[in-house]
Amino acid sequence: MEEKSKMVLGKKNYIFIIIGCLVVLLGFILMSGGGSENPNIFNEEELFSFRRITLAPFMVILGYGLVLFGIMKKQQ
């Protein structure tokens, strides 16, 4: 009575989850930075750039969506 070990999710599901995690990581990397050598200088253009305010949060939300899709997708 040999039982085959069955994976909880399929191969495509795990691929979606891994890609989603990488997209979330990329989003957080895009959000980072903006430090200044002199704490008395405030660089508004660098801190409130399109990349940090719009693109990075969109990437994080997209990544979480891919992870959720990978978990919820039915196997075929």
PDB file of N, CA and C in Angstrom:
ATOM      1  N   MET A   1       0.827  -1.186   0.000  1.00  0.00           N
ATOM      2  CA  MET A   1       0.000   0.000   0.000  1.00  0.00           C
ATOM      3  C   MET A   1       0.868   1.245   0.000  1.00  0.00           C
ATOM      4  N   GLU A   2       1.375   1.520  -1.148  1.00  0.00           N
ATOM      5  CA  GLU A   2       2.183   2.726  -1.295  1.00  0.00           C
ATOM      6  C   GLU A   2       1.301   3.908  -1.627  1.00  0.00           C
ATOM      7  N   GLU A   3       1.501   4.987  -0.918  1.00  0.00           N
ATOM      8  CA  GLU A   3       0.753   6.213  -1.197  1.00  0.00           C
ATOM      9  C   GLU A   3       1.683   7.210  -1.866  1.00  0.00           C
ATOM     10  N   LYS A   4       1.189   7.812  -2.914  1.00  0.00           N
ATOM     11  CA  LYS A   4       1.972   8.851  -3.573  1.00  0.00           C
ATOM     12  C   LYS A   4       1.846  10.134  -2.767  1.00  0.00           C
ATOM     13  N   SER A   5       2.953  10.813  -2.608  1.00  0.00           N
ATOM     14  CA  SER A   5       2.884  12.099  -1.901  1.00  0.00           C
ATOM     15  C   SER A   5       2.302  13.133  -2.860  1.00  0.00           C
ATOM     16  N   LYS A   6       1.211  13.728  -2.440  1.00  0.00           N
ATOM     17  CA  LYS A   6       0.530  14.705  -3.284  1.00  0.00           C
ATOM     18  C   LYS A   6       0.851  16.104  -2.801  1.00  0.00           C
ATOM     19  N   MET A   7       1.127  16.968  -3.741  1.00  0.00           N
ATOM     20  CA  MET A   7       1.360  18.368  -3.406  1.00  0.00           C
ATOM     21  C   MET A   7       0.015  19.036  -3.165  1.00  0.00           C
ATOM     22  N   VAL A   8       0.002  19.966  -2.243  1.00  0.00           N
ATOM     23  CA  VAL A   8      -1.235  20.673  -1.933  1.00  0.00           C
ATOM     24  C   VAL A   8      -1.656  21.536  -3.115  1.00  0.00           C
ATOM     25  N   LEU A   9      -0.699  22.202  -3.723  1.00  0.00           N
ATOM     26  CA  LEU A   9      -0.967  23.054  -4.882  1.00  0.00           C
ATOM     27  C   LEU A   9      -0.208  22.503  -6.084  1.00  0.00           C
ATOM     28  N   GLY A  10      -0.640  22.896  -7.257  1.00  0.00           N
ATOM     29  CA  GLY A  10       0.019  22.447  -8.478  1.00  0.00           C
ATOM     30  C   GLY A  10       1.269  23.260  -8.784  1.00  0.00           C
ATOM     31  N   LYS A  11       1.990  22.835  -9.807  1.00  0.00           N
ATOM     32  CA  LYS A  11       3.231  23.498 -10.202  1.00  0.00           C
ATOM     33  C   LYS A  11       2.982  24.943 -10.620  1.00  0.00           C
ATOM     34  N   LYS A  12       1.912  25.184 -11.397  1.00  0.00           N
ATOM     35  CA  LYS A  12       1.603  26.545 -11.834  1.00  0.00           C
ATOM     36  C   LYS A  12       1.263  27.446 -10.646  1.00  0.00           C
ATOM     37  N   ASN A  13       0.596  26.870  -9.644  1.00  0.00           N
ATOM     38  CA  ASN A  13       0.260  27.655  -8.459  1.00  0.00           C
ATOM     39  C   ASN A  13       1.531  28.147  -7.764  1.00  0.00           C
ATOM     40  N   TYR A  14       2.486  27.250  -7.600  1.00  0.00           N
ATOM     41  CA  TYR A  14       3.735  27.635  -6.948  1.00  0.00           C
ATOM     42  C   TYR A  14       4.507  28.656  -7.782  1.00  0.00           C
ATOM     43  N   ILE A  15       4.428  28.550  -9.082  1.00  0.00           N
ATOM     44  CA  ILE A  15       5.096  29.532  -9.943  1.00  0.00           C
ATOM     45  C   ILE A  15       4.477  30.913  -9.748  1.00  0.00           C
ATOM     46  N   PHE A  16       3.124  30.975  -9.700  1.00  0.00           N
ATOM     47  CA  PHE A  16       2.461  32.255  -9.450  1.00  0.00           C
ATOM     48  C   PHE A  16       2.848  32.820  -8.086  1.00  0.00           C
ATOM     49  N   ILE A  17       2.938  31.968  -7.075  1.00  0.00           N
ATOM     50  CA  ILE A  17       3.292  32.431  -5.731  1.00  0.00           C
ATOM     51  C   ILE A  17       4.718  32.971  -5.707  1.00  0.00           C
ATOM     52  N   ILE A  18       5.640  32.279  -6.341  1.00  0.00           N
ATOM     53  CA  ILE A  18       7.038  32.731  -6.363  1.00  0.00           C
ATOM     54  C   ILE A  18       7.168  34.037  -7.136  1.00  0.00           C
ATOM     55  N   ILE A  19       6.507  34.131  -8.290  1.00  0.00           N
ATOM     56  CA  ILE A  19       6.559  35.376  -9.070  1.00  0.00           C
ATOM     57  C   ILE A  19       5.944  36.520  -8.272  1.00  0.00           C
ATOM     58  N   GLY A  20       4.836  36.254  -7.586  1.00  0.00           N
ATOM     59  CA  GLY A  20       4.205  37.279  -6.753  1.00  0.00           C
ATOM     60  C   GLY A  20       5.124  37.764  -5.649  1.00  0.00           C
ATOM     61  N   CYS A  21       5.827  36.844  -4.997  1.00  0.00           N
ATOM     62  CA  CYS A  21       6.771  37.237  -3.942  1.00  0.00           C
ATOM     63  C   CYS A  21       7.905  38.086  -4.510  1.00  0.00           C
ATOM     64  N   LEU A  22       8.380  37.736  -5.687  1.00  0.00           N
ATOM     65  CA  LEU A  22       9.444  38.525  -6.316  1.00  0.00           C
ATOM     66  C   LEU A  22       8.956  39.920  -6.698  1.00  0.00           C
ATOM     67  N   VAL A  23       7.710  40.030  -7.154  1.00  0.00           N
ATOM     68  CA  VAL A  23       7.152  41.342  -7.504  1.00  0.00           C
ATOM     69  C   VAL A  23       6.983  42.196  -6.247  1.00  0.00           C
ATOM     70  N   VAL A  24       6.546  41.583  -5.135  1.00  0.00           N
ATOM     71  CA  VAL A  24       6.438  42.315  -3.866  1.00  0.00           C
ATOM     72  C   VAL A  24       7.813  42.802  -3.429  1.00  0.00           C
ATOM     73  N   LEU A  25       8.809  41.940  -3.518  1.00  0.00           N
ATOM     74  CA  LEU A  25      10.171  42.322  -3.148  1.00  0.00           C
ATOM     75  C   LEU A  25      10.675  43.463  -4.020  1.00  0.00           C
ATOM     76  N   LEU A  26      10.410  43.399  -5.317  1.00  0.00           N
ATOM     77  CA  LEU A  26      10.801  44.476  -6.226  1.00  0.00           C
ATOM     78  C   LEU A  26      10.108  45.782  -5.846  1.00  0.00           C
ATOM     79  N   GLY A  27       8.834  45.710  -5.470  1.00  0.00           N
ATOM     80  CA  GLY A  27       8.106  46.908  -5.046  1.00  0.00           C
ATOM     81  C   GLY A  27       8.731  47.555  -3.826  1.00  0.00           C
ATOM     82  N   PHE A  28       9.123  46.735  -2.846  1.00  0.00           N
ATOM     83  CA  PHE A  28       9.749  47.298  -1.652  1.00  0.00           C
ATOM     84  C   PHE A  28      11.138  47.854  -1.955  1.00  0.00           C
ATOM     85  N   ILE A  29      11.852  47.236  -2.882  1.00  0.00           N
ATOM     86  CA  ILE A  29      13.159  47.773  -3.283  1.00  0.00           C
ATOM     87  C   ILE A  29      12.981  49.123  -3.967  1.00  0.00           C
ATOM     88  N   LEU A  30      11.952  49.239  -4.822  1.00  0.00           N
ATOM     89  CA  LEU A  30      11.690  50.519  -5.487  1.00  0.00           C
ATOM     90  C   LEU A  30      11.292  51.607  -4.487  1.00  0.00           C
ATOM     91  N   MET A  31      10.674  51.212  -3.381  1.00  0.00           N
ATOM     92  CA  MET A  31      10.252  52.183  -2.370  1.00  0.00           C
ATOM     93  C   MET A  31      11.417  52.686  -1.519  1.00  0.00           C
ATOM     94  N   SER A  32      12.478  51.923  -1.436  1.00  0.00           N
ATOM     95  CA  SER A  32      13.568  52.264  -0.525  1.00  0.00           C
ATOM     96  C   SER A  32      14.441  53.382  -1.084  1.00  0.00           C
ATOM     97  N   GLY A  33      15.329  53.857  -0.255  1.00  0.00           N
ATOM     98  CA  GLY A  33      16.269  54.897  -0.664  1.00  0.00           C
ATOM     99  C   GLY A  33      15.800  56.276  -0.294  1.00  0.00           C
ATOM    100  N   GLY A  34      16.417  57.251  -0.876  1.00  0.00           N
ATOM    101  CA  GLY A  34      16.036  58.633  -0.628  1.00  0.00           C
ATOM    102  C   GLY A  34      16.750  59.261   0.543  1.00  0.00           C
ATOM    103  N   GLY A  35      17.770  58.597   1.038  1.00  0.00           N
ATOM    104  CA  GLY A  35      18.515  59.154   2.156  1.00  0.00           C
ATOM    105  C   GLY A  35      19.384  60.320   1.724  1.00  0.00           C
ATOM    106  N   SER A  36      19.724  61.142   2.678  1.00  0.00           N
ATOM    107  CA  SER A  36      20.545  62.308   2.392  1.00  0.00           C
ATOM    108  C   SER A  36      21.752  62.306   3.320  1.00  0.00           C
ATOM    109  N   GLU A  37      22.880  62.764   2.817  1.00  0.00           N
ATOM    110  CA  GLU A  37      24.086  62.863   3.639  1.00  0.00           C
ATOM    111  C   GLU A  37      23.915  63.905   4.735  1.00  0.00           C
ATOM    112  N   ASN A  38      23.260  65.002   4.387  1.00  0.00           N
ATOM    113  CA  ASN A  38      23.046  66.092   5.331  1.00  0.00           C
ATOM    114  C   ASN A  38      21.597  66.037   5.820  1.00  0.00           C
ATOM    115  N   PRO A  39      21.365  65.816   7.122  1.00  0.00           N
ATOM    116  CA  PRO A  39      19.985  65.724   7.615  1.00  0.00           C
ATOM    117  C   PRO A  39      19.232  67.052   7.573  1.00  0.00           C
ATOM    118  N   ASN A  40      19.915  68.158   7.337  1.00  0.00           N
ATOM    119  CA  ASN A  40      19.260  69.467   7.275  1.00  0.00           C
ATOM    120  C   ASN A  40      18.695  69.775   5.890  1.00  0.00           C
ATOM    121  N   ILE A  41      19.017  68.944   4.904  1.00  0.00           N
ATOM    122  CA  ILE A  41      18.548  69.170   3.537  1.00  0.00           C
ATOM    123  C   ILE A  41      17.416  68.190   3.243  1.00  0.00           C
ATOM    124  N   PHE A  42      16.296  68.720   2.756  1.00  0.00           N
ATOM    125  CA  PHE A  42      15.137  67.902   2.404  1.00  0.00           C
ATOM    126  C   PHE A  42      14.945  67.959   0.897  1.00  0.00           C
ATOM    127  N   ASN A  43      15.153  66.831   0.234  1.00  0.00           N
ATOM    128  CA  ASN A  43      15.018  66.755  -1.214  1.00  0.00           C
ATOM    129  C   ASN A  43      13.622  66.224  -1.549  1.00  0.00           C
ATOM    130  N   GLU A  44      12.704  67.131  -1.804  1.00  0.00           N
ATOM    131  CA  GLU A  44      11.305  66.768  -2.042  1.00  0.00           C
ATOM    132  C   GLU A  44      11.118  65.985  -3.335  1.00  0.00           C
ATOM    133  N   GLU A  45      11.851  66.339  -4.384  1.00  0.00           N
ATOM    134  CA  GLU A  45      11.696  65.663  -5.671  1.00  0.00           C
ATOM    135  C   GLU A  45      12.089  64.190  -5.581  1.00  0.00           C
ATOM    136  N   GLU A  46      13.112  63.894  -4.803  1.00  0.00           N
ATOM    137  CA  GLU A  46      13.561  62.509  -4.684  1.00  0.00           C
ATOM    138  C   GLU A  46      12.617  61.698  -3.804  1.00  0.00           C
ATOM    139  N   LEU A  47      12.149  62.282  -2.741  1.00  0.00           N
ATOM    140  CA  LEU A  47      11.293  61.558  -1.806  1.00  0.00           C
ATOM    141  C   LEU A  47       9.899  61.317  -2.369  1.00  0.00           C
ATOM    142  N   PHE A  48       9.327  62.312  -3.019  1.00  0.00           N
ATOM    143  CA  PHE A  48       7.969  62.201  -3.545  1.00  0.00           C
ATOM    144  C   PHE A  48       7.968  61.951  -5.053  1.00  0.00           C
ATOM    145  N   SER A  49       8.856  61.112  -5.510  1.00  0.00           N
ATOM    146  CA  SER A  49       8.942  60.819  -6.942  1.00  0.00           C
ATOM    147  C   SER A  49       7.852  59.823  -7.352  1.00  0.00           C
ATOM    148  N   PHE A  50       7.614  59.743  -8.650  1.00  0.00           N
ATOM    149  CA  PHE A  50       6.625  58.808  -9.199  1.00  0.00           C
ATOM    150  C   PHE A  50       6.945  57.378  -8.792  1.00  0.00           C
ATOM    151  N   ARG A  51       8.224  57.045  -8.785  1.00  0.00           N
ATOM    152  CA  ARG A  51       8.646  55.680  -8.470  1.00  0.00           C
ATOM    153  C   ARG A  51       8.244  55.276  -7.059  1.00  0.00           C
ATOM    154  N   ARG A  52       8.430  56.159  -6.092  1.00  0.00           N
ATOM    155  CA  ARG A  52       8.142  55.821  -4.698  1.00  0.00           C
ATOM    156  C   ARG A  52       6.679  55.974  -4.319  1.00  0.00           C
ATOM    157  N   ILE A  53       5.987  56.922  -4.913  1.00  0.00           N
ATOM    158  CA  ILE A  53       4.613  57.211  -4.513  1.00  0.00           C
ATOM    159  C   ILE A  53       3.601  56.390  -5.313  1.00  0.00           C
ATOM    160  N   THR A  54       3.879  56.091  -6.569  1.00  0.00           N
ATOM    161  CA  THR A  54       2.889  55.430  -7.417  1.00  0.00           C
ATOM    162  C   THR A  54       3.328  54.034  -7.848  1.00  0.00           C
ATOM    163  N   LEU A  55       4.492  53.927  -8.449  1.00  0.00           N
ATOM    164  CA  LEU A  55       4.922  52.664  -9.047  1.00  0.00           C
ATOM    165  C   LEU A  55       5.172  51.578  -7.999  1.00  0.00           C
ATOM    166  N   ALA A  56       5.915  51.888  -6.955  1.00  0.00           N
ATOM    167  CA  ALA A  56       6.268  50.877  -5.958  1.00  0.00           C
ATOM    168  C   ALA A  56       5.046  50.320  -5.224  1.00  0.00           C
ATOM    169  N   PRO A  57       4.121  51.153  -4.727  1.00  0.00           N
ATOM    170  CA  PRO A  57       2.927  50.572  -4.088  1.00  0.00           C
ATOM    171  C   PRO A  57       2.078  49.742  -5.055  1.00  0.00           C
ATOM    172  N   PHE A  58       2.011  50.163  -6.324  1.00  0.00           N
ATOM    173  CA  PHE A  58       1.279  49.377  -7.322  1.00  0.00           C
ATOM    174  C   PHE A  58       1.923  48.004  -7.498  1.00  0.00           C
ATOM    175  N   MET A  59       3.252  47.953  -7.523  1.00  0.00           N
ATOM    176  CA  MET A  59       3.956  46.679  -7.661  1.00  0.00           C
ATOM    177  C   MET A  59       3.696  45.771  -6.460  1.00  0.00           C
ATOM    178  N   VAL A  60       3.674  46.350  -5.266  1.00  0.00           N
ATOM    179  CA  VAL A  60       3.426  45.553  -4.062  1.00  0.00           C
ATOM    180  C   VAL A  60       2.014  44.968  -4.102  1.00  0.00           C
ATOM    181  N   ILE A  61       1.031  45.788  -4.443  1.00  0.00           N
ATOM    182  CA  ILE A  61      -0.352  45.304  -4.509  1.00  0.00           C
ATOM    183  C   ILE A  61      -0.497  44.249  -5.612  1.00  0.00           C
ATOM    184  N   LEU A  62       0.141  44.473  -6.756  1.00  0.00           N
ATOM    185  CA  LEU A  62       0.113  43.492  -7.838  1.00  0.00           C
ATOM    186  C   LEU A  62       0.742  42.169  -7.393  1.00  0.00           C
ATOM    187  N   GLY A  63       1.846  42.248  -6.665  1.00  0.00           N
ATOM    188  CA  GLY A  63       2.504  41.038  -6.173  1.00  0.00           C
ATOM    189  C   GLY A  63       1.635  40.264  -5.201  1.00  0.00           C
ATOM    190  N   TYR A  64       0.987  40.980  -4.277  1.00  0.00           N
ATOM    191  CA  TYR A  64       0.080  40.306  -3.345  1.00  0.00           C
ATOM    192  C   TYR A  64      -1.099  39.687  -4.092  1.00  0.00           C
ATOM    193  N   GLY A  65      -1.563  40.352  -5.144  1.00  0.00           N
ATOM    194  CA  GLY A  65      -2.636  39.790  -5.957  1.00  0.00           C
ATOM    195  C   GLY A  65      -2.206  38.503  -6.648  1.00  0.00           C
ATOM    196  N   LEU A  66      -0.967  38.474  -7.152  1.00  0.00           N
ATOM    197  CA  LEU A  66      -0.457  37.256  -7.786  1.00  0.00           C
ATOM    198  C   LEU A  66      -0.326  36.115  -6.785  1.00  0.00           C
ATOM    199  N   VAL A  67       0.121  36.430  -5.573  1.00  0.00           N
ATOM    200  CA  VAL A  67       0.223  35.399  -4.539  1.00  0.00           C
ATOM    201  C   VAL A  67      -1.165  34.853  -4.212  1.00  0.00           C
ATOM    202  N   LEU A  68      -2.129  35.736  -4.037  1.00  0.00           N
ATOM    203  CA  LEU A  68      -3.496  35.311  -3.739  1.00  0.00           C
ATOM    204  C   LEU A  68      -4.067  34.480  -4.891  1.00  0.00           C
ATOM    205  N   PHE A  69      -3.811  34.905  -6.120  1.00  0.00           N
ATOM    206  CA  PHE A  69      -4.274  34.148  -7.286  1.00  0.00           C
ATOM    207  C   PHE A  69      -3.633  32.760  -7.314  1.00  0.00           C
ATOM    208  N   GLY A  70      -2.344  32.695  -6.997  1.00  0.00           N
ATOM    209  CA  GLY A  70      -1.657  31.407  -6.978  1.00  0.00           C
ATOM    210  C   GLY A  70      -2.204  30.469  -5.921  1.00  0.00           C
ATOM    211  N   ILE A  71      -2.662  31.013  -4.816  1.00  0.00           N
ATOM    212  CA  ILE A  71      -3.238  30.180  -3.763  1.00  0.00           C
ATOM    213  C   ILE A  71      -4.648  29.727  -4.133  1.00  0.00           C
ATOM    214  N   MET A  72      -5.431  30.619  -4.720  1.00  0.00           N
ATOM    215  CA  MET A  72      -6.842  30.334  -4.978  1.00  0.00           C
ATOM    216  C   MET A  72      -7.100  29.587  -6.288  1.00  0.00           C
ATOM    217  N   LYS A  73      -6.160  29.599  -7.224  1.00  0.00           N
ATOM    218  CA  LYS A  73      -6.367  28.976  -8.542  1.00  0.00           C
ATOM    219  C   LYS A  73      -6.538  27.466  -8.382  1.00  0.00           C
ATOM    220  N   LYS A  74      -7.550  26.930  -9.060  1.00  0.00           N
ATOM    221  CA  LYS A  74      -7.796  25.490  -9.006  1.00  0.00           C
ATOM    222  C   LYS A  74      -6.772  24.745  -9.849  1.00  0.00           C
ATOM    223  N   GLN A  75      -6.442  23.553  -9.389  1.00  0.00           N
ATOM    224  CA  GLN A  75      -5.560  22.694 -10.174  1.00  0.00           C
ATOM    225  C   GLN A  75      -6.345  22.073 -11.316  1.00  0.00           C
ATOM    226  N   GLN A  76      -5.639  21.722 -12.360  1.00  0.00           N
ATOM    227  CA  GLN A  76      -6.323  21.093 -13.498  1.00  0.00           C
ATOM    228  C   GLN A  76      -5.944  19.647 -13.619  1.00  0.00           C
TER     229      GLN A  76
END
